[in-house]
Amino acid sequence: MKSLKRFVNDETGATAIEYGLIAALIAVAAIAAMKALGIQLSTLFTTVKGKVR
C-alpha cells in the first residue's frame, strides 16, 4: 500500500511531459508561421516575375 501511495504522489515525470507538450506547441506554431510566410513569398516572387517579363 505504501508503494502505491508513493507512486500516486510521485510527480517527477510530470515536468518532463509538460516541457514536451510546450515544445510540441511551439513547433506547431513555428511550422504554421513558416508555411504562411512561404505562401506569401511564393506570391511575391510570382508577382515580381510577372512584372519583370
Protein backbone atom coordinates (compact mmCIF):
# COMPACT_ATOMS: atom_id res chain seq x y z
CA MET A 1 0.00 0.00 0.00
CA LYS A 2 2.89 2.38 0.76
CA SER A 3 4.40 1.89 -2.67
CA LEU A 4 1.05 2.65 -4.32
CA LYS A 5 0.73 5.92 -2.36
CA ARG A 6 4.30 6.81 -3.23
CA PHE A 7 3.61 6.10 -6.91
CA VAL A 8 0.45 8.26 -6.92
CA ASN A 9 2.24 11.16 -5.20
CA ASP A 10 5.33 10.98 -7.44
CA GLU A 11 5.32 13.94 -9.86
CA THR A 12 8.87 13.74 -11.24
CA GLY A 13 7.75 12.76 -14.74
CA ALA A 14 5.04 15.41 -14.95
CA THR A 15 7.54 18.22 -15.53
CA ALA A 16 9.16 16.40 -18.44
CA ILE A 17 5.77 15.78 -20.02
CA GLU A 18 4.80 19.44 -19.60
CA TYR A 19 8.04 20.60 -21.23
CA GLY A 20 7.44 18.15 -24.07
CA LEU A 21 3.93 19.49 -24.63
CA ILE A 22 5.20 23.08 -24.62
CA ALA A 23 7.92 22.21 -27.13
CA ALA A 24 5.35 20.49 -29.37
CA LEU A 25 3.07 23.52 -29.23
CA ILE A 26 5.92 25.85 -30.15
CA ALA A 27 6.89 23.57 -33.04
CA VAL A 28 3.33 23.53 -34.40
CA ALA A 29 3.14 27.34 -34.18
CA ALA A 30 6.51 27.70 -35.92
CA ILE A 31 5.51 25.34 -38.73
CA ALA A 32 2.25 27.23 -39.28
CA ALA A 33 4.07 30.57 -39.36
CA MET A 34 6.71 29.29 -41.80
CA LYS A 35 4.04 27.83 -44.07
CA ALA A 36 2.16 31.14 -44.17
CA LEU A 37 5.39 33.03 -44.84
CA GLY A 38 6.30 30.58 -47.61
CA ILE A 39 2.97 31.14 -49.33
CA GLN A 40 3.42 34.92 -49.12
CA LEU A 41 6.94 34.71 -50.53
CA SER A 42 5.80 32.50 -53.37
CA THR A 43 3.08 35.00 -54.25
CA LEU A 44 5.57 37.87 -54.08
CA PHE A 45 8.06 36.15 -56.37
CA THR A 46 5.31 35.25 -58.83
CA THR A 47 4.21 38.90 -58.93
CA VAL A 48 7.77 40.11 -59.43
CA LYS A 49 8.36 37.53 -62.15
CA GLY A 50 5.23 38.69 -63.96
CA LYS A 51 6.30 42.34 -63.85
CA VAL A 52 9.87 41.64 -64.99
CA ARG A 53 8.75 39.86 -68.16
